[in-house]
Amino acid sequence: MLTATNAKGNSLARQLKLFELPPERCAFEMVAVGPLFPEQNDMKRHRVFRDKAAALERALADHLREAGHTVIGTHSPGGSCDERLRKQVCRLVDEKLKSWGAL
């Protein structure tokens, strides 16, 4: 598989290669949760919710690692996240993984 080293659309392929997983031999199932926050009209307000989403993404990555999963990619330490929302997202993802036989 040919990928440009600086293409943002190839970030998943680059991460897979770091783990020596050939992207062309991988199969994917995706879990999407959201929208979590309202859309914002300007960048200043957008950043507030973007940072909340980033903290939540980090918390989910940590949760998955603690459950024994390999999580690829980087997840900035970020700030704290809403505990109620974190529990809901982790529960939804856990339920989906369990339905796939991954938990």
N, C-alpha and C. Protein backbone atom coordinates (compact mmCIF):
# COMPACT_ATOMS: atom_id res chain seq x y z
N MET A 1 0.85 -1.17 0.00
CA MET A 1 0.00 0.00 0.00
C MET A 1 0.89 1.23 0.00
N LEU A 2 0.69 2.10 -0.96
CA LEU A 2 1.46 3.33 -1.04
C LEU A 2 0.72 4.44 -0.31
N THR A 3 1.42 5.11 0.59
CA THR A 3 0.81 6.22 1.30
C THR A 3 1.80 7.36 1.38
N ALA A 4 1.31 8.56 1.24
CA ALA A 4 2.16 9.74 1.40
C ALA A 4 2.45 9.91 2.88
N THR A 5 3.68 10.20 3.22
CA THR A 5 4.07 10.28 4.62
C THR A 5 3.43 11.44 5.35
N ASN A 6 3.03 12.49 4.64
CA ASN A 6 2.47 13.66 5.31
C ASN A 6 0.97 13.80 5.15
N ALA A 7 0.29 12.83 4.55
CA ALA A 7 -1.15 12.92 4.32
C ALA A 7 -1.92 12.62 5.61
N LYS A 8 -2.79 13.53 6.02
CA LYS A 8 -3.57 13.33 7.24
C LYS A 8 -4.48 12.12 7.14
N GLY A 9 -4.97 11.83 5.95
CA GLY A 9 -5.86 10.70 5.74
C GLY A 9 -5.18 9.35 5.92
N ASN A 10 -3.87 9.35 6.02
CA ASN A 10 -3.12 8.11 6.17
C ASN A 10 -2.68 7.87 7.61
N SER A 11 -3.19 8.62 8.56
CA SER A 11 -2.71 8.47 9.94
C SER A 11 -2.99 7.08 10.49
N LEU A 12 -4.12 6.48 10.17
CA LEU A 12 -4.40 5.12 10.64
C LEU A 12 -3.41 4.14 10.04
N ALA A 13 -3.15 4.25 8.75
CA ALA A 13 -2.19 3.35 8.10
C ALA A 13 -0.81 3.49 8.73
N ARG A 14 -0.39 4.71 9.01
CA ARG A 14 0.92 4.91 9.65
C ARG A 14 0.97 4.27 11.02
N GLN A 15 -0.09 4.41 11.81
CA GLN A 15 -0.12 3.81 13.15
C GLN A 15 -0.09 2.29 13.06
N LEU A 16 -0.82 1.72 12.12
CA LEU A 16 -0.81 0.26 11.95
C LEU A 16 0.59 -0.22 11.61
N LYS A 17 1.27 0.50 10.74
CA LYS A 17 2.62 0.12 10.35
C LYS A 17 3.58 0.18 11.53
N LEU A 18 3.39 1.13 12.44
CA LEU A 18 4.23 1.19 13.64
C LEU A 18 4.12 -0.08 14.47
N PHE A 19 2.95 -0.72 14.43
CA PHE A 19 2.72 -1.97 15.15
C PHE A 19 2.98 -3.18 14.26
N GLU A 20 3.58 -2.93 13.09
CA GLU A 20 3.89 -3.97 12.11
C GLU A 20 2.63 -4.75 11.69
N LEU A 21 1.55 -4.01 11.52
CA LEU A 21 0.29 -4.58 11.05
C LEU A 21 0.04 -4.05 9.64
N PRO A 22 0.13 -4.90 8.61
CA PRO A 22 -0.09 -4.41 7.24
C PRO A 22 -1.54 -3.94 7.07
N PRO A 23 -1.76 -2.67 6.76
CA PRO A 23 -3.13 -2.14 6.63
C PRO A 23 -3.99 -2.93 5.66
N GLU A 24 -3.40 -3.42 4.57
CA GLU A 24 -4.18 -4.15 3.57
C GLU A 24 -4.65 -5.51 4.07
N ARG A 25 -4.12 -5.96 5.19
CA ARG A 25 -4.55 -7.25 5.76
C ARG A 25 -5.45 -7.07 6.97
N CYS A 26 -5.80 -5.85 7.28
CA CYS A 26 -6.63 -5.56 8.45
C CYS A 26 -8.11 -5.45 8.06
N ALA A 27 -8.97 -5.77 9.00
CA ALA A 27 -10.41 -5.56 8.85
C ALA A 27 -10.84 -4.66 10.01
N PHE A 28 -11.82 -3.82 9.78
CA PHE A 28 -12.20 -2.84 10.78
C PHE A 28 -13.68 -2.88 11.08
N GLU A 29 -14.00 -2.68 12.32
CA GLU A 29 -15.37 -2.42 12.78
C GLU A 29 -15.25 -1.13 13.57
N MET A 30 -16.15 -0.22 13.36
CA MET A 30 -16.05 1.07 14.04
C MET A 30 -17.19 1.26 15.02
N VAL A 31 -16.88 1.95 16.09
CA VAL A 31 -17.87 2.36 17.07
C VAL A 31 -17.88 3.88 17.07
N ALA A 32 -19.03 4.46 16.90
CA ALA A 32 -19.17 5.92 16.94
C ALA A 32 -20.15 6.27 18.04
N VAL A 33 -19.79 7.24 18.84
CA VAL A 33 -20.66 7.73 19.91
C VAL A 33 -20.77 9.23 19.71
N GLY A 34 -21.99 9.71 19.55
CA GLY A 34 -22.12 11.15 19.41
C GLY A 34 -23.25 11.53 18.49
N PRO A 35 -23.43 12.80 18.28
CA PRO A 35 -22.59 13.90 18.76
C PRO A 35 -22.70 14.06 20.28
N LEU A 36 -21.60 14.43 20.88
CA LEU A 36 -21.56 14.61 22.33
C LEU A 36 -21.85 16.03 22.75
N PHE A 37 -21.48 16.98 21.89
CA PHE A 37 -21.61 18.39 22.24
C PHE A 37 -22.24 19.14 21.08
N PRO A 38 -22.85 20.28 21.37
CA PRO A 38 -23.46 21.07 20.29
C PRO A 38 -22.39 21.67 19.38
N GLU A 39 -22.73 21.86 18.12
CA GLU A 39 -21.83 22.51 17.18
C GLU A 39 -21.68 23.97 17.57
N GLN A 40 -20.49 24.50 17.41
CA GLN A 40 -20.22 25.89 17.79
C GLN A 40 -20.00 26.74 16.55
N ASN A 41 -20.31 28.02 16.67
CA ASN A 41 -20.21 28.93 15.53
C ASN A 41 -18.86 29.61 15.38
N ASP A 42 -18.04 29.58 16.41
CA ASP A 42 -16.74 30.22 16.30
C ASP A 42 -15.67 29.37 16.97
N MET A 43 -14.43 29.61 16.58
CA MET A 43 -13.31 28.79 17.03
C MET A 43 -13.10 28.88 18.54
N LYS A 44 -13.31 30.03 19.12
CA LYS A 44 -13.10 30.18 20.57
C LYS A 44 -14.00 29.22 21.34
N ARG A 45 -15.28 29.17 21.01
CA ARG A 45 -16.20 28.26 21.68
C ARG A 45 -15.96 26.81 21.27
N HIS A 46 -15.57 26.62 20.01
CA HIS A 46 -15.29 25.27 19.52
C HIS A 46 -14.16 24.62 20.33
N ARG A 47 -13.12 25.40 20.62
CA ARG A 47 -11.97 24.86 21.35
C ARG A 47 -12.36 24.30 22.72
N VAL A 48 -13.31 24.93 23.38
CA VAL A 48 -13.76 24.44 24.70
C VAL A 48 -14.28 23.02 24.58
N PHE A 49 -15.14 22.79 23.60
CA PHE A 49 -15.73 21.46 23.42
C PHE A 49 -14.73 20.48 22.79
N ARG A 50 -13.85 20.98 21.93
CA ARG A 50 -12.81 20.13 21.36
C ARG A 50 -11.92 19.58 22.48
N ASP A 51 -11.57 20.44 23.43
CA ASP A 51 -10.72 20.01 24.53
C ASP A 51 -11.44 19.02 25.45
N LYS A 52 -12.75 19.22 25.62
CA LYS A 52 -13.54 18.26 26.41
C LYS A 52 -13.58 16.91 25.71
N ALA A 53 -13.75 16.92 24.40
CA ALA A 53 -13.77 15.68 23.62
C ALA A 53 -12.41 14.99 23.67
N ALA A 54 -11.33 15.76 23.61
CA ALA A 54 -9.99 15.18 23.66
C ALA A 54 -9.74 14.50 25.01
N ALA A 55 -10.17 15.14 26.09
CA ALA A 55 -10.01 14.54 27.42
C ALA A 55 -10.82 13.25 27.53
N LEU A 56 -12.00 13.26 26.94
CA LEU A 56 -12.85 12.07 26.95
C LEU A 56 -12.22 10.96 26.11
N GLU A 57 -11.65 11.31 24.97
CA GLU A 57 -10.98 10.32 24.12
C GLU A 57 -9.80 9.69 24.88
N ARG A 58 -9.04 10.51 25.59
CA ARG A 58 -7.93 9.98 26.38
C ARG A 58 -8.43 9.03 27.46
N ALA A 59 -9.51 9.41 28.14
CA ALA A 59 -10.07 8.57 29.20
C ALA A 59 -10.54 7.23 28.62
N LEU A 60 -11.15 7.25 27.44
CA LEU A 60 -11.60 6.01 26.80
C LEU A 60 -10.40 5.15 26.42
N ALA A 61 -9.35 5.76 25.87
CA ALA A 61 -8.14 5.01 25.52
C ALA A 61 -7.55 4.34 26.76
N ASP A 62 -7.48 5.08 27.86
CA ASP A 62 -6.97 4.51 29.12
C ASP A 62 -7.84 3.36 29.59
N HIS A 63 -9.15 3.53 29.50
CA HIS A 63 -10.11 2.50 29.90
C HIS A 63 -9.88 1.22 29.08
N LEU A 64 -9.71 1.37 27.78
CA LEU A 64 -9.50 0.21 26.92
C LEU A 64 -8.17 -0.47 27.21
N ARG A 65 -7.13 0.32 27.46
CA ARG A 65 -5.83 -0.27 27.82
C ARG A 65 -5.94 -1.05 29.13
N GLU A 66 -6.63 -0.48 30.11
CA GLU A 66 -6.80 -1.15 31.40
C GLU A 66 -7.56 -2.47 31.25
N ALA A 67 -8.41 -2.56 30.22
CA ALA A 67 -9.17 -3.79 29.95
C ALA A 67 -8.35 -4.79 29.13
N GLY A 68 -7.09 -4.42 28.81
CA GLY A 68 -6.22 -5.34 28.10
C GLY A 68 -6.16 -5.17 26.60
N HIS A 69 -6.79 -4.14 26.08
CA HIS A 69 -6.77 -3.90 24.64
C HIS A 69 -5.54 -3.10 24.24
N THR A 70 -5.09 -3.28 23.01
CA THR A 70 -4.03 -2.46 22.45
C THR A 70 -4.70 -1.27 21.78
N VAL A 71 -4.30 -0.09 22.18
CA VAL A 71 -4.86 1.14 21.60
C VAL A 71 -3.73 1.82 20.84
N ILE A 72 -3.95 2.05 19.56
CA ILE A 72 -2.91 2.69 18.76
C ILE A 72 -3.20 4.18 18.64
N GLY A 73 -2.20 4.94 18.30
CA GLY A 73 -2.35 6.38 18.15
C GLY A 73 -1.94 7.09 19.42
N THR A 74 -1.98 8.40 19.36
CA THR A 74 -1.62 9.21 20.51
C THR A 74 -2.86 9.85 21.09
N HIS A 75 -2.86 9.97 22.39
CA HIS A 75 -4.00 10.56 23.10
C HIS A 75 -3.42 11.47 24.17
N SER A 76 -3.44 12.75 23.89
CA SER A 76 -2.83 13.74 24.79
C SER A 76 -3.41 13.64 26.19
N PRO A 77 -2.57 13.90 27.20
CA PRO A 77 -3.04 13.82 28.59
C PRO A 77 -4.22 14.74 28.87
N GLY A 78 -4.28 15.89 28.22
CA GLY A 78 -5.44 16.77 28.34
C GLY A 78 -5.93 17.01 29.75
N GLY A 79 -7.04 17.70 29.86
CA GLY A 79 -7.63 18.01 31.14
C GLY A 79 -8.56 16.91 31.62
N SER A 80 -9.31 17.25 32.64
CA SER A 80 -10.25 16.27 33.19
C SER A 80 -11.52 16.24 32.33
N CYS A 81 -12.20 15.11 32.38
CA CYS A 81 -13.43 15.01 31.60
C CYS A 81 -14.61 14.79 32.55
N ASP A 82 -15.78 15.03 32.02
CA ASP A 82 -17.03 14.85 32.75
C ASP A 82 -17.16 13.37 33.10
N GLU A 83 -17.17 13.05 34.38
CA GLU A 83 -17.18 11.66 34.84
C GLU A 83 -18.45 10.93 34.40
N ARG A 84 -19.57 11.59 34.44
CA ARG A 84 -20.83 10.97 34.03
C ARG A 84 -20.78 10.60 32.55
N LEU A 85 -20.29 11.52 31.74
CA LEU A 85 -20.18 11.27 30.30
C LEU A 85 -19.13 10.19 30.02
N ARG A 86 -18.02 10.20 30.75
CA ARG A 86 -16.99 9.17 30.58
C ARG A 86 -17.57 7.79 30.83
N LYS A 87 -18.33 7.64 31.91
CA LYS A 87 -18.93 6.35 32.24
C LYS A 87 -19.89 5.90 31.15
N GLN A 88 -20.69 6.82 30.62
CA GLN A 88 -21.65 6.48 29.56
C GLN A 88 -20.93 6.02 28.30
N VAL A 89 -19.90 6.74 27.91
CA VAL A 89 -19.16 6.39 26.69
C VAL A 89 -18.46 5.05 26.87
N CYS A 90 -17.80 4.85 28.00
CA CYS A 90 -17.11 3.58 28.25
C CYS A 90 -18.11 2.42 28.26
N ARG A 91 -19.26 2.62 28.84
CA ARG A 91 -20.28 1.58 28.88
C ARG A 91 -20.76 1.23 27.47
N LEU A 92 -21.02 2.24 26.66
CA LEU A 92 -21.47 2.00 25.28
C LEU A 92 -20.42 1.25 24.47
N VAL A 93 -19.17 1.66 24.60
CA VAL A 93 -18.09 0.99 23.87
C VAL A 93 -17.91 -0.43 24.38
N ASP A 94 -17.95 -0.62 25.70
CA ASP A 94 -17.83 -1.97 26.27
C ASP A 94 -18.94 -2.88 25.76
N GLU A 95 -20.16 -2.36 25.71
CA GLU A 95 -21.29 -3.17 25.21
C GLU A 95 -21.07 -3.58 23.76
N LYS A 96 -20.57 -2.67 22.94
CA LYS A 96 -20.32 -2.99 21.53
C LYS A 96 -19.21 -4.02 21.42
N LEU A 97 -18.12 -3.86 22.17
CA LEU A 97 -17.04 -4.84 22.12
C LEU A 97 -17.50 -6.20 22.60
N LYS A 98 -18.34 -6.21 23.63
CA LYS A 98 -18.86 -7.48 24.13
C LYS A 98 -19.72 -8.16 23.07
N SER A 99 -20.51 -7.39 22.34
CA SER A 99 -21.36 -7.98 21.28
C SER A 99 -20.51 -8.55 20.15
N TRP A 100 -19.29 -8.05 19.98
CA TRP A 100 -18.38 -8.58 18.98
C TRP A 100 -17.54 -9.74 19.52
N GLY A 101 -17.68 -10.03 20.82
CA GLY A 101 -16.87 -11.07 21.42
C GLY A 101 -15.47 -10.62 21.78
N ALA A 102 -15.27 -9.32 21.85
CA ALA A 102 -13.94 -8.77 22.14
C ALA A 102 -13.73 -8.49 23.62
N LEU A 103 -14.75 -8.71 24.44
CA LEU A 103 -14.60 -8.51 25.89
C LEU A 103 -14.96 -9.79 26.61
